[in-house]
């Protein structure tokens, strides 16, 4: 059983920088009057709000958690939106949250400070006839029990909270969920438990497989952000799950990690899913969940920025309200005519196209196209090279990478899922950590990229020269440890390979093996004369996901050989729109 494999470590109290104006444990009910400010940097409340603080909720196993509820004054029964995460429910005015807003270039004046980090703002939603519930989840701050990280236990706990909320005299019995990152992930797990009163969800970018997205992407133990998440949150009085120790003890897929994948086939409620191409932590997981959830009422919007500015953008918030008004208030507001897919296209030159309507993703007019690697000219060509040519690099050399180019003679639109199928060989080594990247170059060969956040300061330039990839988009990347190349036949498609990660297949001297690497989904426009560069390297081409975390260094030695043409026709495949 996965519970037997869990490892725990002592937690510690919420530190000062993570504490906010309402962190202190003080059960009771008060009315926050219109014009109230949680703290000077934040916006005043537009309406009176009932604030029920530190309300005790008992879960099915007897564990008590504490929640804050914000709801309209003197309103009829109202629907409720839950923001489920291990971040302190009173953290909205904390120094840490204000620092995150500063990092991305958002003003604290756009929120009230009553919101949970990455969650819906009560100031907005209560004024429009909704209640907001911010829980301190199991093991966090004053809540009882031991906390877990992205786990089916969280789904069961949130199920219990949903059913408790639905029974409250002020609640209409209709519950939704919303939020980004952790708050998105928790929605997959909760919806899979099928609570009767959960009516609709709004996952706004989040992983959907802890093993593949967080701790072992491509089979490599890249735990920089996992360490930040574990050590920088889950503050409480008891214990928290030690995922760092777990990945060291269980480096292959097992039931512990399977328990950290939601049961997608049981997610049947209406879902408004929001994604981007550029978030190296969340992108793969968001698209995976979108593909696999069973709901026949699901909408996907792919934006061209970073999730926090996108989530709090006024137009996007109004768009989300239309979704919730339709499903939580039964309003006939035309939401059903919203295109099932709205995607964006980057051009990296200020001409991004957004909200391009489609029935599917990739759109039905996108055709999978193979561009073969030609080791002789270092080009990408639609014709399979007849002659076999190997290209190689020494891991300890500079450069420890090889690349291939294609130039487009007319406007070319790529939208969908890229993948690489490569024939590779390791010399003087029995394994390879391979990193790949699709870059867009202008007509003069200059790499193009763009910030995903409003803050384009010198500091953010420094942070993103190598790393902090959530802040600047440089292209679609992928990675694979070659000994983890075995494909999961039940999950793999022609578009998206999926590896089983349940075995290790080391290389023998002189052995040439075929591998498939999934790259993050793309929406890219190439104008006439512009180029695509495909890079293969032994080094981490993108750096870290977040600022200030430890970078993963590939476990490599010897020489990497990429075979092209002839009997080993390596290629890059991506969808081109007609």
Protein backbone atom coordinates (compact mmCIF):
# COMPACT_ATOMS: atom_id res chain seq x y z
CA UNK A 1 0.00 0.00 0.00
CA UNK A 2 1.21 3.51 -0.81
CA UNK A 3 0.48 4.69 2.74
CA UNK A 4 3.10 2.25 4.04
CA UNK A 5 5.73 3.85 1.81
CA UNK A 6 5.12 7.43 2.91
CA UNK A 7 7.95 9.09 4.81
CA UNK A 8 7.36 12.01 7.15
CA UNK A 9 9.50 14.71 8.71
CA UNK A 10 8.66 17.13 11.51
CA UNK A 11 7.03 20.35 10.38
CA UNK A 12 7.58 23.73 12.00
CA UNK A 13 5.40 26.75 12.77
CA UNK A 14 4.52 29.28 10.10
CA UNK A 15 7.44 31.77 9.96
CA UNK A 16 6.94 35.53 10.21
CA UNK A 17 7.37 36.36 6.49
CA UNK A 18 4.63 33.82 5.66
CA UNK A 19 2.20 35.25 8.24
CA UNK A 20 -0.48 37.76 7.30
CA UNK A 21 -2.93 40.10 8.97
CA UNK A 22 -5.36 37.24 9.69
CA UNK A 23 -2.96 34.40 10.55
CA UNK A 24 -3.59 34.55 14.30
CA UNK A 25 -5.93 31.81 15.50
CA UNK A 26 -9.09 33.64 16.54
CA UNK A 27 -12.36 31.76 15.90
CA UNK A 28 -15.42 33.92 15.45
CA UNK A 29 -17.61 35.81 13.02
CA UNK A 30 -17.37 39.48 12.10
CA UNK A 31 -18.54 41.74 9.31
CA UNK A 32 -15.94 43.49 7.20
CA UNK A 33 -17.62 46.65 6.00
CA UNK A 34 -17.36 48.09 2.50
CA UNK A 35 -14.21 50.19 2.34
CA UNK A 36 -12.30 47.91 4.74
CA UNK A 37 -8.61 47.40 3.87
CA UNK A 38 -6.72 44.36 5.11
CA UNK A 39 -3.53 46.43 4.89
CA UNK A 40 -2.54 49.69 3.15
CA UNK A 41 -1.23 48.22 -0.17
CA UNK A 42 -4.46 46.34 -0.88
CA UNK A 43 -7.75 47.39 -2.44
CA UNK A 44 -10.74 48.29 -0.26
CA UNK A 45 -13.72 45.95 -0.11
CA UNK A 46 -16.52 46.97 -2.49
CA UNK A 47 -19.26 45.44 -0.31
CA UNK A 48 -19.86 44.26 3.24
CA UNK A 49 -18.55 40.73 3.76
CA UNK A 50 -19.26 38.22 6.54
CA UNK A 51 -15.95 36.75 7.71
CA UNK A 52 -16.20 33.45 9.59
CA UNK A 53 -12.70 32.75 10.88
CA UNK A 54 -11.11 29.48 12.00
CA UNK A 55 -14.23 27.38 11.64
CA UNK A 56 -13.63 23.76 12.69
CA UNK A 57 -14.45 21.06 10.13
CA UNK A 58 -14.13 17.39 11.06
CA UNK A 59 -12.96 15.01 8.34
CA UNK A 60 -14.09 11.37 7.99
CA UNK A 61 -11.13 10.04 10.00
CA UNK A 62 -11.79 12.42 12.91
CA UNK A 63 -9.10 14.94 11.95
CA UNK A 64 -10.13 18.57 12.46
CA UNK A 65 -9.10 21.24 9.97
CA UNK A 66 -9.81 24.96 10.20
CA UNK A 67 -11.26 27.08 7.42
CA UNK A 68 -12.05 30.73 6.79
CA UNK A 69 -15.30 31.56 5.01
CA UNK A 70 -16.07 34.87 3.31
CA UNK A 71 -19.65 35.39 2.15
CA UNK A 72 -22.02 38.17 1.17
CA UNK A 73 -24.06 39.91 3.90
CA UNK A 74 -27.82 39.27 3.96
CA UNK A 75 -27.69 37.28 0.74
CA UNK A 76 -29.86 34.37 -0.23
CA UNK A 77 -28.21 30.99 -0.32
CA UNK A 78 -24.99 31.30 -2.35
CA UNK A 79 -22.60 28.92 -4.11
CA UNK A 80 -19.10 28.50 -2.69
CA UNK A 81 -15.67 28.39 -4.33
CA UNK A 82 -12.86 26.53 -2.51
CA UNK A 83 -9.16 27.40 -2.69
CA UNK A 84 -7.40 24.23 -1.47
CA UNK A 85 -3.65 24.37 -0.78
CA UNK A 86 -1.07 24.04 2.03
CA UNK A 87 -0.37 27.77 1.96
CA UNK A 88 -1.64 29.49 5.10
CA UNK A 89 -5.20 30.73 4.66
CA UNK A 90 -4.25 34.07 6.22
CA UNK A 91 -1.16 34.53 4.07
CA UNK A 92 -2.61 36.93 1.50
CA UNK A 93 -1.09 40.03 3.13
CA UNK A 94 2.24 38.40 3.99
CA UNK A 95 5.63 39.70 2.95
CA UNK A 96 6.20 36.54 0.93
CA UNK A 97 3.06 36.93 -1.19
CA UNK A 98 3.67 40.63 -1.75
CA UNK A 99 7.18 39.69 -2.86
CA UNK A 100 5.83 37.27 -5.46
CA UNK A 101 3.56 39.97 -6.85
CA UNK A 102 6.56 42.28 -7.07
CA UNK A 103 8.62 39.62 -8.83
CA UNK A 104 6.13 39.25 -11.66
CA UNK A 105 5.18 42.93 -11.79
CA UNK A 106 1.69 42.93 -10.28
CA UNK A 107 0.40 45.66 -7.99
CA UNK A 108 -1.00 44.51 -4.65
CA UNK A 109 -3.82 47.00 -5.25
CA UNK A 110 -5.52 44.55 -7.63
CA UNK A 111 -6.44 42.22 -4.71
CA UNK A 112 -7.86 42.67 -1.22
CA UNK A 113 -5.33 40.57 0.70
CA UNK A 114 -8.16 38.28 1.86
CA UNK A 115 -7.39 35.81 -0.91
CA UNK A 116 -5.28 32.74 -0.46
CA UNK A 117 -2.00 32.83 -2.38
CA UNK A 118 -2.88 31.88 -6.00
CA UNK A 119 -6.58 31.79 -5.17
CA UNK A 120 -9.83 33.68 -5.85
CA UNK A 121 -10.24 37.06 -4.15
CA UNK A 122 -13.25 37.30 -1.80
CA UNK A 123 -13.55 41.02 -2.58
CA UNK A 124 -14.42 40.23 -6.19
CA UNK A 125 -16.47 37.06 -5.71
CA UNK A 126 -18.52 38.05 -2.66
CA UNK A 127 -19.58 41.21 -4.50
CA UNK A 128 -20.98 38.94 -7.20
CA UNK A 129 -22.92 36.53 -5.02
CA UNK A 130 -20.38 33.86 -4.10
CA UNK A 131 -18.79 32.62 -0.89
CA UNK A 132 -15.09 31.80 -0.74
CA UNK A 133 -13.69 29.07 1.51
CA UNK A 134 -9.98 29.15 2.36
CA UNK A 135 -8.94 26.04 4.34
CA UNK A 136 -5.78 25.30 6.25
CA UNK A 137 -5.53 21.72 5.01
CA UNK A 138 -4.58 18.65 7.02
CA UNK A 139 -1.41 19.31 9.06
CA UNK A 140 -1.07 22.98 8.07
CA UNK A 141 -0.87 25.86 10.62
CA UNK A 142 -3.45 24.89 13.29
CA UNK A 143 -5.15 22.01 11.47
CA UNK A 144 -4.66 18.55 12.90
CA UNK A 145 -2.93 15.58 11.28
CA UNK A 146 0.11 15.13 9.06
CA UNK A 147 0.19 16.93 5.73
CA UNK A 148 0.72 15.20 2.40
CA UNK A 149 1.93 16.57 -0.93
CA UNK A 150 -0.34 16.28 -3.99
CA UNK A 151 -2.01 13.06 -3.08
CA UNK A 152 -5.36 11.28 -3.27
CA UNK A 153 -5.65 11.84 0.49
CA UNK A 154 -6.14 15.51 -0.31
CA UNK A 155 -8.99 14.60 -2.64
CA UNK A 156 -10.75 12.69 0.13
CA UNK A 157 -10.23 15.54 2.60
CA UNK A 158 -11.59 18.14 0.20
CA UNK A 159 -14.56 15.85 -0.54
CA UNK A 160 -15.44 16.06 3.16
CA UNK A 161 -15.09 19.84 3.18
CA UNK A 162 -17.31 20.16 0.09
CA UNK A 163 -20.08 18.11 1.67
CA UNK A 164 -19.78 20.09 4.94
CA UNK A 165 -20.06 23.40 3.07
CA UNK A 166 -23.03 22.20 1.04
CA UNK A 167 -24.93 21.55 4.29
CA UNK A 168 -24.45 25.05 5.70
CA UNK A 169 -27.63 27.11 5.92
CA UNK A 170 -26.18 29.97 3.88
CA UNK A 171 -24.92 27.71 1.03
CA UNK A 172 -26.90 26.86 -2.08
CA UNK A 173 -25.37 23.39 -2.15
CA UNK A 174 -23.35 24.12 -5.27
CA UNK A 175 -19.57 24.07 -4.84
CA UNK A 176 -16.80 25.02 -7.25
CA UNK A 177 -13.03 25.13 -7.03
CA UNK A 178 -10.55 27.59 -8.51
CA UNK A 179 -6.91 28.64 -8.34
CA UNK A 180 -3.50 28.25 -9.89
CA UNK A 181 -0.59 25.88 -9.31
CA UNK A 182 -1.15 23.86 -6.11
CA UNK A 183 -4.76 25.03 -6.07
CA UNK A 184 -5.16 23.64 -9.59
CA UNK A 185 -3.59 20.28 -8.78
CA UNK A 186 -5.85 19.74 -5.77
CA UNK A 187 -8.84 20.09 -8.08
CA UNK A 188 -7.82 17.06 -10.15
CA UNK A 189 -7.60 14.93 -6.99
CA UNK A 190 -10.84 16.26 -5.51
CA UNK A 191 -12.93 15.92 -8.65
CA UNK A 192 -11.70 12.33 -9.06
CA UNK A 193 -13.31 11.50 -5.69
CA UNK A 194 -16.67 12.58 -7.17
CA UNK A 195 -18.13 14.54 -4.24
CA UNK A 196 -21.89 14.91 -4.91
CA UNK A 197 -21.98 18.68 -4.42
CA UNK A 198 -18.91 19.56 -6.49
CA UNK A 199 -20.44 21.13 -9.58
CA UNK A 200 -17.53 22.68 -11.54
CA UNK A 201 -13.76 23.15 -11.39
CA UNK A 202 -11.28 25.68 -12.73
CA UNK A 203 -7.71 24.29 -12.67
CA UNK A 204 -5.45 27.18 -13.77
CA UNK A 205 -2.12 25.50 -14.57
CA UNK A 206 -0.90 22.66 -12.41
CA UNK A 207 0.97 19.37 -12.50
CA UNK A 208 -1.04 16.17 -12.81
CA UNK A 209 1.62 13.55 -12.07
CA UNK A 210 4.04 14.20 -9.20
CA UNK A 211 6.62 11.73 -10.47
CA UNK A 212 6.69 12.87 -14.09
CA UNK A 213 6.17 16.60 -13.51
CA UNK A 214 7.79 17.43 -10.16
CA UNK A 215 10.52 15.08 -9.01
CA UNK A 216 11.61 12.86 -11.94
CA UNK A 217 10.87 14.69 -15.18
CA UNK A 218 12.33 12.57 -17.97
CA UNK A 219 13.55 10.06 -15.37
CA UNK A 220 16.02 12.55 -13.87
CA UNK A 221 15.96 13.34 -10.11
CA UNK A 222 15.47 17.08 -10.54
CA UNK A 223 14.25 18.01 -7.05
CA UNK A 224 15.06 21.73 -6.86
CA UNK A 225 11.47 22.93 -6.81
CA UNK A 226 10.28 19.92 -4.80
CA UNK A 227 12.74 20.99 -2.10
CA UNK A 228 11.46 24.56 -2.20
CA UNK A 229 7.87 23.36 -2.02
CA UNK A 230 8.49 20.94 0.85
CA UNK A 231 10.71 23.20 2.92
CA UNK A 232 8.96 26.47 2.10
CA UNK A 233 5.39 25.42 2.85
CA UNK A 234 3.37 22.81 4.80
CA UNK A 235 4.10 24.71 8.02
CA UNK A 236 2.26 23.26 11.00
CA UNK A 237 2.39 21.59 14.39
CA UNK A 238 2.83 17.97 13.40
CA UNK A 239 4.57 16.23 10.49
CA UNK A 240 4.71 16.73 6.75
CA UNK A 241 5.42 14.30 3.96
CA UNK A 242 9.10 14.06 3.05
CA UNK A 243 8.92 13.72 -0.72
CA UNK A 244 12.68 14.29 -1.01
CA UNK A 245 13.37 11.16 1.03
CA UNK A 246 10.69 9.28 -0.90
CA UNK A 247 12.20 9.98 -4.32
CA UNK A 248 15.61 8.89 -3.02
CA UNK A 249 14.18 5.64 -1.66
CA UNK A 250 11.78 4.97 -4.56
CA UNK A 251 13.38 6.25 -7.79
CA UNK A 252 11.12 4.08 -9.98
CA UNK A 253 7.38 4.30 -10.47
CA UNK A 254 5.48 2.38 -7.78
CA UNK A 255 2.17 2.60 -5.93
CA UNK A 256 3.37 5.58 -3.87
CA UNK A 257 3.76 7.60 -7.07
CA UNK A 258 0.65 6.11 -8.67
CA UNK A 259 -1.28 7.46 -5.68
CA UNK A 260 -0.05 10.90 -6.68
CA UNK A 261 -1.74 10.68 -10.07
CA UNK A 262 -5.45 11.56 -10.03
CA UNK A 263 -7.94 9.11 -11.46
CA UNK A 264 -8.63 11.14 -14.59
CA UNK A 265 -11.36 8.80 -15.79
CA UNK A 266 -13.46 9.76 -12.76
CA UNK A 267 -13.26 13.52 -13.37
CA UNK A 268 -16.64 14.17 -14.94
CA UNK A 269 -17.70 17.61 -13.69
CA UNK A 270 -17.58 20.65 -16.00
CA UNK A 271 -14.02 21.97 -16.16
CA UNK A 272 -12.62 25.27 -17.37
CA UNK A 273 -8.91 24.48 -17.73
CA UNK A 274 -6.33 27.21 -18.29
CA UNK A 275 -2.84 26.45 -19.59
CA UNK A 276 0.25 28.02 -21.13
CA UNK A 277 3.10 26.70 -23.26
CA UNK A 278 5.81 28.34 -21.18
CA UNK A 279 5.57 26.97 -17.63
CA UNK A 280 8.17 24.21 -17.38
CA UNK A 281 6.60 23.03 -14.11
CA UNK A 282 2.92 23.05 -15.05
CA UNK A 283 2.54 22.90 -18.82
CA UNK A 284 2.92 19.14 -19.38
CA UNK A 285 0.65 18.29 -16.46
CA UNK A 286 -2.10 20.71 -17.41
CA UNK A 287 -2.30 19.44 -20.98
CA UNK A 288 -2.09 15.82 -19.82
CA UNK A 289 -5.03 16.30 -17.48
CA UNK A 290 -6.99 18.16 -20.15
CA UNK A 291 -6.54 15.24 -22.54
CA UNK A 292 -7.39 12.54 -20.05
CA UNK A 293 -10.24 13.82 -17.87
CA UNK A 294 -13.56 12.18 -18.70
CA UNK A 295 -15.72 15.29 -18.55
CA UNK A 296 -17.73 15.93 -21.69
CA UNK A 297 -18.07 19.58 -20.64
CA UNK A 298 -14.50 20.81 -20.66
CA UNK A 299 -13.04 24.02 -21.99
CA UNK A 300 -9.37 24.85 -22.56
CA UNK A 301 -7.87 28.34 -22.80
CA UNK A 302 -4.14 28.61 -23.56
CA UNK A 303 -2.78 32.05 -22.77
CA UNK A 304 0.54 33.62 -23.75
CA UNK A 305 1.89 34.69 -20.35
CA UNK A 306 2.46 33.54 -16.78
CA UNK A 307 -0.36 32.21 -14.64
CA UNK A 308 -0.52 34.84 -11.87
CA UNK A 309 -0.98 37.93 -14.10
CA UNK A 310 -3.37 35.88 -16.23
CA UNK A 311 -5.44 34.71 -13.23
CA UNK A 312 -5.96 38.17 -11.77
CA UNK A 313 -6.55 39.92 -15.11
CA UNK A 314 -9.98 41.55 -14.99
CA UNK A 315 -11.15 40.24 -18.38
CA UNK A 316 -10.11 36.71 -17.50
CA UNK A 317 -11.81 36.93 -14.12
CA UNK A 318 -15.02 38.02 -15.82
CA UNK A 319 -14.67 35.13 -18.25
CA UNK A 320 -14.34 32.73 -15.33
CA UNK A 321 -17.39 34.29 -13.67
CA UNK A 322 -19.46 33.48 -16.76
CA UNK A 323 -18.41 29.84 -16.38
CA UNK A 324 -19.29 29.70 -12.69
CA UNK A 325 -22.50 31.72 -13.15
CA UNK A 326 -23.65 29.17 -15.69
CA UNK A 327 -22.88 26.06 -13.67
CA UNK A 328 -23.14 27.25 -10.04
CA UNK A 329 -26.06 29.67 -10.52
CA UNK A 330 -27.82 28.02 -13.48
CA UNK A 331 -27.66 31.24 -15.51
CA UNK A 332 -28.33 30.98 -19.22
CA UNK A 333 -25.57 33.38 -20.19
CA UNK A 334 -24.29 31.82 -23.40
CA UNK A 335 -21.30 30.09 -21.80
CA UNK A 336 -22.10 26.86 -23.67
CA UNK A 337 -21.30 28.64 -26.95
CA UNK A 338 -17.77 29.43 -25.75
CA UNK A 339 -15.28 27.65 -28.04
CA UNK A 340 -14.11 24.44 -26.42
CA UNK A 341 -10.52 25.49 -27.14
CA UNK A 342 -9.02 28.97 -27.30
CA UNK A 343 -5.30 28.88 -27.95
CA UNK A 344 -2.51 31.42 -28.35
CA UNK A 345 0.30 31.72 -30.86
CA UNK A 346 3.65 33.28 -29.94
CA UNK A 347 5.70 35.17 -32.45
CA UNK A 348 8.19 36.68 -29.90
CA UNK A 349 8.01 40.04 -31.66
CA UNK A 350 4.99 41.66 -30.05
CA UNK A 351 2.48 40.10 -32.41
CA UNK A 352 1.15 37.20 -30.33
CA UNK A 353 -2.31 35.98 -31.30
CA UNK A 354 -4.62 35.03 -28.45
CA UNK A 355 -8.02 33.37 -28.09
CA UNK A 356 -7.80 31.58 -31.42
CA UNK A 357 -10.94 29.42 -31.46
CA UNK A 358 -10.87 25.68 -32.16
CA UNK A 359 -12.90 22.58 -31.40
CA UNK A 360 -9.87 20.52 -30.37
CA UNK A 361 -6.24 20.82 -29.37
CA UNK A 362 -4.30 20.49 -31.52
CA UNK A 363 -6.74 22.09 -33.98
CA UNK A 364 -8.11 19.75 -36.59
CA UNK A 365 -6.22 21.47 -39.41
CA UNK A 366 -2.82 20.76 -37.82
CA UNK A 367 -0.88 17.94 -39.49
CA UNK A 368 1.94 16.02 -37.84
CA UNK A 369 5.07 16.65 -39.89
CA UNK A 370 8.47 14.99 -39.58
CA UNK A 371 11.67 17.01 -39.96
CA UNK A 372 14.62 14.62 -40.23
CA UNK A 373 17.98 15.40 -38.69
CA UNK A 374 20.79 15.51 -41.24
CA UNK A 375 24.13 15.17 -39.49
CA UNK A 376 26.11 16.17 -42.57
CA UNK A 377 24.68 19.67 -43.03
CA UNK A 378 23.22 19.99 -39.53
CA UNK A 379 19.84 20.72 -41.05
CA UNK A 380 16.25 19.64 -40.55
CA UNK A 381 14.59 18.42 -43.73
CA UNK A 382 11.27 16.85 -44.65
CA UNK A 383 13.15 14.39 -46.86
CA UNK A 384 14.67 11.41 -45.09
CA UNK A 385 18.47 11.49 -45.61
CA UNK A 386 19.69 8.41 -47.45
CA UNK A 387 23.18 8.43 -45.99
CA UNK A 388 23.83 7.69 -42.36
CA UNK A 389 25.89 10.39 -40.62
CA UNK A 390 26.62 10.56 -36.89
CA UNK A 391 26.96 13.83 -35.00
CA UNK A 392 28.53 13.85 -31.57
CA UNK A 393 29.91 15.90 -28.71
CA UNK A 394 32.05 15.18 -25.68
CA UNK A 395 30.20 15.79 -22.44
CA UNK A 396 33.09 17.75 -20.93
CA UNK A 397 33.74 19.81 -24.04
CA UNK A 398 32.53 23.25 -25.01
CA UNK A 399 30.14 23.07 -26.74
CA UNK A 400 28.57 19.96 -25.26
CA UNK A 401 25.65 20.21 -27.63
CA UNK A 402 24.74 19.85 -31.28
CA UNK A 403 21.97 21.60 -33.19
CA UNK A 404 20.07 21.40 -36.45
CA UNK A 405 18.40 24.21 -38.44
CA UNK A 406 15.42 24.67 -40.73
CA UNK A 407 14.51 27.90 -42.52
CA UNK A 408 10.93 28.62 -43.58
CA UNK A 409 10.20 30.28 -46.91
CA UNK A 410 6.62 31.18 -45.97
CA UNK A 411 4.58 31.78 -42.85
CA UNK A 412 4.39 28.52 -40.87
CA UNK A 413 2.19 27.97 -37.83
CA UNK A 414 3.01 25.17 -35.39
CA UNK A 415 0.42 24.32 -32.77
CA UNK A 416 0.20 21.10 -30.77
CA UNK A 417 2.56 18.50 -29.34
CA UNK A 418 6.16 18.16 -30.61
CA UNK A 419 8.28 15.09 -30.03
CA UNK A 420 11.74 13.87 -30.95
CA UNK A 421 12.56 10.33 -32.06
CA UNK A 422 16.30 9.90 -31.91
CA UNK A 423 18.82 7.13 -32.44
CA UNK A 424 21.52 7.58 -29.81
CA UNK A 425 24.69 5.97 -28.54
CA UNK A 426 26.87 6.55 -25.48
CA UNK A 427 30.63 6.08 -25.69
CA UNK A 428 32.56 5.43 -22.48
CA UNK A 429 29.27 5.48 -20.57
CA UNK A 430 26.25 3.26 -19.99
CA UNK A 431 23.64 6.03 -19.76
CA UNK A 432 22.81 9.52 -21.03
CA UNK A 433 20.85 12.45 -19.65
CA UNK A 434 19.65 14.24 -22.77
CA UNK A 435 18.12 17.72 -22.92
CA UNK A 436 16.45 19.03 -26.07
CA UNK A 437 15.11 22.46 -27.05
CA UNK A 438 13.17 23.92 -29.97
CA UNK A 439 14.16 27.56 -30.47
CA UNK A 440 12.80 30.19 -32.81
CA UNK A 441 15.45 32.27 -34.62
CA UNK A 442 14.86 35.41 -36.62
CA UNK A 443 15.97 35.69 -40.24
CA UNK A 444 19.47 36.67 -39.08
CA UNK A 445 19.89 33.69 -36.75
CA UNK A 446 19.22 35.50 -33.46
CA UNK A 447 17.30 33.44 -30.86
CA UNK A 448 13.92 34.97 -30.01
CA UNK A 449 12.25 34.82 -26.61
CA UNK A 450 9.95 36.88 -24.42
CA UNK A 451 9.07 37.63 -20.84
CA UNK A 452 5.86 36.03 -19.63
CA UNK A 453 5.35 38.62 -16.86
CA UNK A 454 4.99 42.43 -16.81
CA UNK A 455 8.24 42.90 -14.85
CA UNK A 456 11.08 43.31 -17.36
CA UNK A 457 13.54 44.75 -14.84
CA UNK A 458 17.30 44.30 -14.86
CA UNK A 459 16.93 41.89 -11.95
CA UNK A 460 14.54 39.72 -13.94
CA UNK A 461 16.94 39.77 -16.86
CA UNK A 462 19.64 38.47 -14.52
CA UNK A 463 17.35 35.81 -13.07
CA UNK A 464 16.26 34.53 -16.48
CA UNK A 465 19.52 34.54 -18.44
CA UNK A 466 19.75 30.89 -17.37
CA UNK A 467 16.87 29.62 -15.30
CA UNK A 468 13.67 31.01 -13.75
CA UNK A 469 11.94 29.70 -16.85
CA UNK A 470 8.46 30.58 -15.59
CA UNK A 471 9.38 34.26 -16.12
CA UNK A 472 10.79 34.11 -19.65
CA UNK A 473 9.81 31.82 -22.51
CA UNK A 474 12.67 30.58 -24.69
CA UNK A 475 11.07 27.69 -26.53
CA UNK A 476 9.75 24.17 -26.11
CA UNK A 477 12.00 21.80 -24.19
CA UNK A 478 12.14 18.13 -23.25
CA UNK A 479 14.47 15.71 -21.51
CA UNK A 480 15.08 12.01 -21.03
CA UNK A 481 17.46 9.73 -19.17
CA UNK A 482 18.08 7.11 -21.84
CA UNK A 483 17.95 4.17 -19.41
CA UNK A 484 14.32 5.25 -18.72
CA UNK A 485 13.36 5.07 -22.40
CA UNK A 486 10.79 2.27 -22.09
CA UNK A 487 7.40 3.50 -23.30
CA UNK A 488 4.11 2.91 -21.52
CA UNK A 489 2.08 1.41 -24.35
CA UNK A 490 -1.24 2.24 -22.71
CA UNK A 491 -0.46 5.97 -22.47
CA UNK A 492 1.74 6.60 -25.50
CA UNK A 493 0.23 8.08 -28.65
CA UNK A 494 1.77 9.08 -31.94
CA UNK A 495 1.66 12.68 -30.73
CA UNK A 496 2.82 12.29 -27.13
CA UNK A 497 5.15 9.54 -25.91
CA UNK A 498 4.77 8.51 -22.27
CA UNK A 499 7.46 6.54 -20.45
CA UNK A 500 6.70 3.89 -17.86
CA UNK A 501 9.62 4.78 -15.55
CA UNK A 502 9.33 1.34 -13.98
CA UNK A 503 12.66 -0.10 -15.15
CA UNK A 504 16.28 0.77 -15.88
CA UNK A 505 17.76 -0.28 -19.22
CA UNK A 506 21.43 0.59 -19.30
CA UNK A 507 23.36 0.85 -22.57
CA UNK A 508 25.97 -1.63 -23.73
CA UNK A 509 29.17 -0.54 -25.50
CA UNK A 510 28.40 0.23 -29.14
CA UNK A 511 24.65 -0.14 -28.66
CA UNK A 512 22.48 2.26 -30.67
CA UNK A 513 18.97 2.68 -29.25
CA UNK A 514 15.85 4.46 -30.40
CA UNK A 515 14.28 6.88 -27.93
CA UNK A 516 11.28 9.21 -27.93
CA UNK A 517 11.24 12.52 -26.04
CA UNK A 518 8.11 14.56 -25.50
CA UNK A 519 8.57 18.32 -25.73
CA UNK A 520 6.18 20.82 -24.18
CA UNK A 521 3.19 21.79 -26.36
CA UNK A 522 3.71 24.76 -28.64
CA UNK A 523 1.91 27.55 -30.44
CA UNK A 524 4.51 29.29 -32.62
CA UNK A 525 4.39 31.42 -35.74
CA UNK A 526 7.41 31.49 -38.08
CA UNK A 527 7.44 34.21 -40.71
CA UNK A 528 9.19 33.87 -44.06
CA UNK A 529 12.95 33.73 -43.56
CA UNK A 530 12.80 32.79 -39.88
CA UNK A 531 14.39 29.60 -38.59
CA UNK A 532 13.84 26.71 -36.23
CA UNK A 533 16.82 25.48 -34.22
CA UNK A 534 16.69 22.07 -32.55
CA UNK A 535 19.32 21.60 -29.85
CA UNK A 536 20.45 18.34 -28.23
CA UNK A 537 22.76 18.57 -25.22
CA UNK A 538 24.11 16.89 -22.13
CA UNK A 539 23.55 20.07 -20.11
CA UNK A 540 20.37 21.50 -18.68
CA UNK A 541 19.59 23.95 -21.47
CA UNK A 542 16.82 25.81 -19.66
CA UNK A 543 18.14 25.91 -16.11
CA UNK A 544 15.78 26.06 -13.14
CA UNK A 545 12.02 26.42 -13.18
CA UNK A 546 11.96 29.01 -10.41
CA UNK A 547 14.41 31.68 -9.23
CA UNK A 548 16.74 30.71 -6.43
CA UNK A 549 16.44 26.93 -6.53
CA UNK A 550 19.07 24.28 -7.09
CA UNK A 551 19.76 23.47 -10.73
CA UNK A 552 19.84 19.86 -11.86
CA UNK A 553 23.11 18.87 -13.53
CA UNK A 554 22.93 15.95 -15.94
CA UNK A 555 24.61 12.73 -14.85
CA UNK A 556 26.81 12.41 -17.91
CA UNK A 557 30.29 11.37 -19.00
CA UNK A 558 32.05 10.25 -22.17
CA UNK A 559 30.67 11.09 -25.59
CA UNK A 560 27.10 11.38 -26.87
CA UNK A 561 26.42 10.29 -30.44
CA UNK A 562 23.26 11.16 -32.37
CA UNK A 563 22.78 8.98 -35.45
CA UNK A 564 20.97 10.46 -38.44
CA UNK A 565 19.81 9.20 -41.83
CA UNK A 566 20.04 5.77 -43.41
CA UNK A 567 18.94 3.03 -41.03
CA UNK A 568 18.81 5.47 -38.11
CA UNK A 569 16.52 8.29 -39.31
CA UNK A 570 16.27 10.55 -36.26
CA UNK A 571 13.56 13.17 -36.58
CA UNK A 572 11.69 15.98 -34.88
CA UNK A 573 7.92 15.81 -35.28
CA UNK A 574 5.56 18.73 -34.79
CA UNK A 575 2.09 19.74 -35.97
CA UNK A 576 1.87 22.34 -38.75
CA UNK A 577 -1.41 24.11 -39.30
CA UNK A 578 -2.65 24.18 -42.87
